[in-house]
Amino acid sequence: MNGGDAVVATPVDPPQPLEWKFSQVFGERTAGEEVQEVDIISAIEFDKTGDHLATGDRGGRVVLFERTDAKDHGGSRRDLERLDYPIGRHPEFRYKTEFQSHEPEFGYLKSLEIEEKINKIRWCQTANGSLFLLSANDKTIKFWK
């Protein structure tokens, strides 16, 4: 130090809390309609680009959604975040397809019923732009393309 000069640290403001806002809903119900147990989402996963979303439910179905505003912002969300490019609106998704991934079955070895509920969904990386994913219940892992 030079002649007793001290370095004074300036106080740093705490980071602002994230502000979450409702963006989009799928599967709207009519007034008074009960949610069925098989329709409750049990797994959800975005692909690494953020352009595709897969959900799995307790009924063993996998539903795929596709981002619709990807062409409007000139690149993937991850690329824009790296460039610190402000994203003016929330991403929007549309229904792409759905399929029955798992069915209920009986495990004879342990004499237990194995439910169809999707426990995990994972997107697989591809080199050619095709979509591949894994879905799993308590017994089986399935590969989908």
C-alpha atoms as a PDB file:
ATOM      1  CA  MET A   1       0.000   0.000   0.000  1.00  0.00           C
ATOM      2  CA  ASN A   2       1.096   3.531  -0.704  1.00  0.00           C
ATOM      3  CA  GLY A   3       1.328   5.653   2.424  1.00  0.00           C
ATOM      4  CA  GLY A   4      -1.541   3.963   4.239  1.00  0.00           C
ATOM      5  CA  ASP A   5      -4.097   4.250   1.422  1.00  0.00           C
ATOM      6  CA  ALA A   6      -6.698   1.520   1.773  1.00  0.00           C
ATOM      7  CA  VAL A   7      -8.733   0.036  -0.997  1.00  0.00           C
ATOM      8  CA  VAL A   8     -12.418   0.356  -0.190  1.00  0.00           C
ATOM      9  CA  ALA A   9     -14.725  -2.224  -1.702  1.00  0.00           C
ATOM     10  CA  THR A  10     -17.990  -0.848  -2.976  1.00  0.00           C
ATOM     11  CA  PRO A  11     -21.078  -2.780  -1.910  1.00  0.00           C
ATOM     12  CA  VAL A  12     -22.516  -4.989  -4.630  1.00  0.00           C
ATOM     13  CA  ASP A  13     -26.266  -5.012  -5.090  1.00  0.00           C
ATOM     14  CA  PRO A  14     -27.796  -8.462  -4.733  1.00  0.00           C
ATOM     15  CA  PRO A  15     -29.004  -9.970  -8.013  1.00  0.00           C
ATOM     16  CA  GLN A  16     -32.612  -9.305  -8.882  1.00  0.00           C
ATOM     17  CA  PRO A  17     -34.862 -12.340  -8.401  1.00  0.00           C
ATOM     18  CA  LEU A  18     -36.089 -14.049 -11.528  1.00  0.00           C
ATOM     19  CA  GLU A  19     -39.537 -13.004 -12.604  1.00  0.00           C
ATOM     20  CA  TRP A  20     -41.556 -15.971 -13.870  1.00  0.00           C
ATOM     21  CA  LYS A  21     -44.466 -15.292 -16.189  1.00  0.00           C
ATOM     22  CA  PHE A  22     -47.107 -17.619 -17.595  1.00  0.00           C
ATOM     23  CA  SER A  23     -46.400 -18.238 -21.272  1.00  0.00           C
ATOM     24  CA  GLN A  24     -48.462 -21.007 -22.868  1.00  0.00           C
ATOM     25  CA  VAL A  25     -50.868 -23.835 -21.997  1.00  0.00           C
ATOM     26  CA  PHE A  26     -51.715 -27.106 -23.741  1.00  0.00           C
ATOM     27  CA  GLY A  27     -54.572 -29.504 -23.130  1.00  0.00           C
ATOM     28  CA  GLU A  28     -57.182 -27.068 -21.955  1.00  0.00           C
ATOM     29  CA  ARG A  29     -60.170 -28.492 -20.125  1.00  0.00           C
ATOM     30  CA  THR A  30     -63.774 -27.428 -20.134  1.00  0.00           C
ATOM     31  CA  ALA A  31     -65.250 -25.980 -16.944  1.00  0.00           C
ATOM     32  CA  GLY A  32     -65.878 -28.709 -14.382  1.00  0.00           C
ATOM     33  CA  GLU A  33     -63.915 -31.370 -16.261  1.00  0.00           C
ATOM     34  CA  GLU A  34     -61.790 -33.481 -13.928  1.00  0.00           C
ATOM     35  CA  VAL A  35     -58.154 -34.257 -14.693  1.00  0.00           C
ATOM     36  CA  GLN A  36     -57.756 -37.988 -15.270  1.00  0.00           C
ATOM     37  CA  GLU A  37     -54.897 -39.768 -13.474  1.00  0.00           C
ATOM     38  CA  VAL A  38     -53.471 -41.043 -16.800  1.00  0.00           C
ATOM     39  CA  ASP A  39     -53.241 -37.461 -18.162  1.00  0.00           C
ATOM     40  CA  ILE A  40     -50.921 -36.158 -15.424  1.00  0.00           C
ATOM     41  CA  ILE A  41     -47.440 -35.371 -16.778  1.00  0.00           C
ATOM     42  CA  SER A  42     -44.746 -37.520 -15.178  1.00  0.00           C
ATOM     43  CA  ALA A  43     -41.687 -36.582 -17.309  1.00  0.00           C
ATOM     44  CA  ILE A  44     -40.620 -33.600 -19.397  1.00  0.00           C
ATOM     45  CA  GLU A  45     -37.479 -32.904 -21.440  1.00  0.00           C
ATOM     46  CA  PHE A  46     -36.258 -30.273 -23.931  1.00  0.00           C
ATOM     47  CA  ASP A  47     -33.800 -31.273 -26.637  1.00  0.00           C
ATOM     48  CA  LYS A  48     -30.401 -29.570 -26.431  1.00  0.00           C
ATOM     49  CA  THR A  49     -31.383 -26.803 -28.882  1.00  0.00           C
ATOM     50  CA  GLY A  50     -34.592 -25.981 -27.020  1.00  0.00           C
ATOM     51  CA  ASP A  51     -36.567 -26.352 -30.258  1.00  0.00           C
ATOM     52  CA  HIS A  52     -38.360 -29.570 -29.258  1.00  0.00           C
ATOM     53  CA  LEU A  53     -40.152 -30.555 -26.072  1.00  0.00           C
ATOM     54  CA  ALA A  54     -41.255 -34.063 -25.075  1.00  0.00           C
ATOM     55  CA  THR A  55     -43.648 -34.881 -22.248  1.00  0.00           C
ATOM     56  CA  GLY A  56     -44.562 -38.267 -20.850  1.00  0.00           C
ATOM     57  CA  ASP A  57     -47.636 -39.013 -18.767  1.00  0.00           C
ATOM     58  CA  ARG A  58     -48.898 -41.614 -16.317  1.00  0.00           C
ATOM     59  CA  GLY A  59     -50.864 -43.266 -19.120  1.00  0.00           C
ATOM     60  CA  GLY A  60     -47.643 -44.184 -20.982  1.00  0.00           C
ATOM     61  CA  ARG A  61     -48.051 -41.593 -23.766  1.00  0.00           C
ATOM     62  CA  VAL A  62     -45.282 -39.382 -25.114  1.00  0.00           C
ATOM     63  CA  VAL A  63     -46.337 -36.045 -26.625  1.00  0.00           C
ATOM     64  CA  LEU A  64     -43.921 -34.008 -28.763  1.00  0.00           C
ATOM     65  CA  PHE A  65     -44.043 -30.249 -29.265  1.00  0.00           C
ATOM     66  CA  GLU A  66     -42.082 -28.144 -31.757  1.00  0.00           C
ATOM     67  CA  ARG A  67     -40.963 -24.557 -31.349  1.00  0.00           C
ATOM     68  CA  THR A  68     -42.792 -22.297 -33.799  1.00  0.00           C
ATOM     69  CA  ASP A  69     -40.929 -19.009 -33.371  1.00  0.00           C
ATOM     70  CA  ALA A  70     -37.423 -20.379 -34.099  1.00  0.00           C
ATOM     71  CA  LYS A  71     -37.204 -18.702 -37.514  1.00  0.00           C
ATOM     72  CA  ASP A  72     -38.258 -15.321 -36.120  1.00  0.00           C
ATOM     73  CA  HIS A  73     -35.169 -14.744 -33.994  1.00  0.00           C
ATOM     74  CA  GLY A  74     -32.410 -15.824 -36.371  1.00  0.00           C
ATOM     75  CA  GLY A  75     -30.785 -18.668 -34.436  1.00  0.00           C
ATOM     76  CA  SER A  76     -31.124 -21.082 -31.574  1.00  0.00           C
ATOM     77  CA  ARG A  77     -31.854 -19.763 -28.105  1.00  0.00           C
ATOM     78  CA  ARG A  78     -28.495 -21.073 -26.866  1.00  0.00           C
ATOM     79  CA  ASP A  79     -26.597 -19.176 -29.607  1.00  0.00           C
ATOM     80  CA  LEU A  80     -28.468 -15.976 -28.806  1.00  0.00           C
ATOM     81  CA  GLU A  81     -27.766 -16.361 -25.084  1.00  0.00           C
ATOM     82  CA  ARG A  82     -24.041 -16.757 -25.821  1.00  0.00           C
ATOM     83  CA  LEU A  83     -24.145 -13.499 -27.800  1.00  0.00           C
ATOM     84  CA  ASP A  84     -26.119 -11.863 -24.969  1.00  0.00           C
ATOM     85  CA  TYR A  85     -28.813 -11.068 -27.519  1.00  0.00           C
ATOM     86  CA  PRO A  86     -32.043  -9.969 -25.837  1.00  0.00           C
ATOM     87  CA  ILE A  87     -34.984 -12.237 -26.501  1.00  0.00           C
ATOM     88  CA  GLY A  88     -38.073 -10.070 -26.580  1.00  0.00           C
ATOM     89  CA  ARG A  89     -40.693 -12.750 -26.088  1.00  0.00           C
ATOM     90  CA  HIS A  90     -41.180 -16.231 -24.740  1.00  0.00           C
ATOM     91  CA  PRO A  91     -40.702 -19.172 -27.089  1.00  0.00           C
ATOM     92  CA  GLU A  92     -43.911 -20.644 -28.488  1.00  0.00           C
ATOM     93  CA  PHE A  93     -44.538 -24.333 -29.120  1.00  0.00           C
ATOM     94  CA  ARG A  94     -47.136 -26.268 -31.093  1.00  0.00           C
ATOM     95  CA  TYR A  95     -48.285 -29.848 -30.882  1.00  0.00           C
ATOM     96  CA  LYS A  96     -46.293 -32.087 -33.240  1.00  0.00           C
ATOM     97  CA  THR A  97     -47.364 -35.674 -32.491  1.00  0.00           C
ATOM     98  CA  GLU A  98     -48.026 -38.212 -29.765  1.00  0.00           C
ATOM     99  CA  PHE A  99     -47.689 -41.964 -29.392  1.00  0.00           C
ATOM    100  CA  GLN A 100     -48.297 -44.714 -26.869  1.00  0.00           C
ATOM    101  CA  SER A 101     -44.872 -45.584 -25.529  1.00  0.00           C
ATOM    102  CA  HIS A 102     -45.655 -48.055 -22.753  1.00  0.00           C
ATOM    103  CA  GLU A 103     -48.611 -50.295 -21.870  1.00  0.00           C
ATOM    104  CA  PRO A 104     -49.378 -51.768 -18.447  1.00  0.00           C
ATOM    105  CA  GLU A 105     -47.960 -55.259 -18.070  1.00  0.00           C
ATOM    106  CA  PHE A 106     -47.590 -57.940 -15.453  1.00  0.00           C
ATOM    107  CA  GLY A 107     -44.162 -58.910 -14.132  1.00  0.00           C
ATOM    108  CA  TYR A 108     -44.445 -62.640 -13.534  1.00  0.00           C
ATOM    109  CA  LEU A 109     -41.066 -62.910 -11.807  1.00  0.00           C
ATOM    110  CA  LYS A 110     -42.134 -60.727  -8.859  1.00  0.00           C
ATOM    111  CA  SER A 111     -45.900 -61.085  -9.402  1.00  0.00           C
ATOM    112  CA  LEU A 112     -46.302 -57.321  -9.689  1.00  0.00           C
ATOM    113  CA  GLU A 113     -48.175 -55.136 -12.120  1.00  0.00           C
ATOM    114  CA  ILE A 114     -45.825 -52.785 -13.965  1.00  0.00           C
ATOM    115  CA  GLU A 115     -47.543 -49.507 -14.650  1.00  0.00           C
ATOM    116  CA  GLU A 116     -47.223 -47.683 -17.950  1.00  0.00           C
ATOM    117  CA  LYS A 117     -46.168 -44.370 -16.369  1.00  0.00           C
ATOM    118  CA  ILE A 118     -43.262 -42.673 -18.153  1.00  0.00           C
ATOM    119  CA  ASN A 119     -40.502 -42.086 -15.574  1.00  0.00           C
ATOM    120  CA  LYS A 120     -37.896 -40.482 -17.814  1.00  0.00           C
ATOM    121  CA  ILE A 121     -37.519 -39.032 -21.304  1.00  0.00           C
ATOM    122  CA  ARG A 122     -34.129 -38.274 -22.821  1.00  0.00           C
ATOM    123  CA  TRP A 123     -33.346 -36.790 -26.261  1.00  0.00           C
ATOM    124  CA  CYS A 124     -30.473 -38.451 -28.120  1.00  0.00           C
ATOM    125  CA  GLN A 125     -27.901 -36.458 -30.060  1.00  0.00           C
ATOM    126  CA  THR A 126     -27.915 -36.990 -33.825  1.00  0.00           C
ATOM    127  CA  ALA A 127     -25.680 -35.831 -36.643  1.00  0.00           C
ATOM    128  CA  ASN A 128     -28.325 -35.568 -39.367  1.00  0.00           C
ATOM    129  CA  GLY A 129     -31.049 -33.528 -37.662  1.00  0.00           C
ATOM    130  CA  SER A 130     -33.387 -36.483 -37.082  1.00  0.00           C
ATOM    131  CA  LEU A 131     -35.241 -36.716 -33.791  1.00  0.00           C
ATOM    132  CA  PHE A 132     -34.454 -39.648 -31.489  1.00  0.00           C
ATOM    133  CA  LEU A 133     -35.509 -40.121 -27.898  1.00  0.00           C
ATOM    134  CA  LEU A 134     -35.565 -42.669 -25.109  1.00  0.00           C
ATOM    135  CA  SER A 135     -38.587 -43.252 -22.875  1.00  0.00           C
ATOM    136  CA  ALA A 136     -38.563 -45.426 -19.762  1.00  0.00           C
ATOM    137  CA  ASN A 137     -41.019 -46.883 -17.308  1.00  0.00           C
ATOM    138  CA  ASP A 138     -40.169 -49.124 -14.331  1.00  0.00           C
ATOM    139  CA  LYS A 139     -39.208 -52.076 -16.551  1.00  0.00           C
ATOM    140  CA  THR A 140     -38.433 -51.071 -20.125  1.00  0.00           C
ATOM    141  CA  ILE A 141     -36.425 -48.414 -21.967  1.00  0.00           C
ATOM    142  CA  LYS A 142     -37.614 -47.762 -25.512  1.00  0.00           C
ATOM    143  CA  PHE A 143     -35.782 -45.993 -28.341  1.00  0.00           C
ATOM    144  CA  TRP A 144     -37.936 -43.882 -30.703  1.00  0.00           C
ATOM    145  CA  LYS A 145     -37.129 -42.138 -33.968  1.00  0.00           C
END
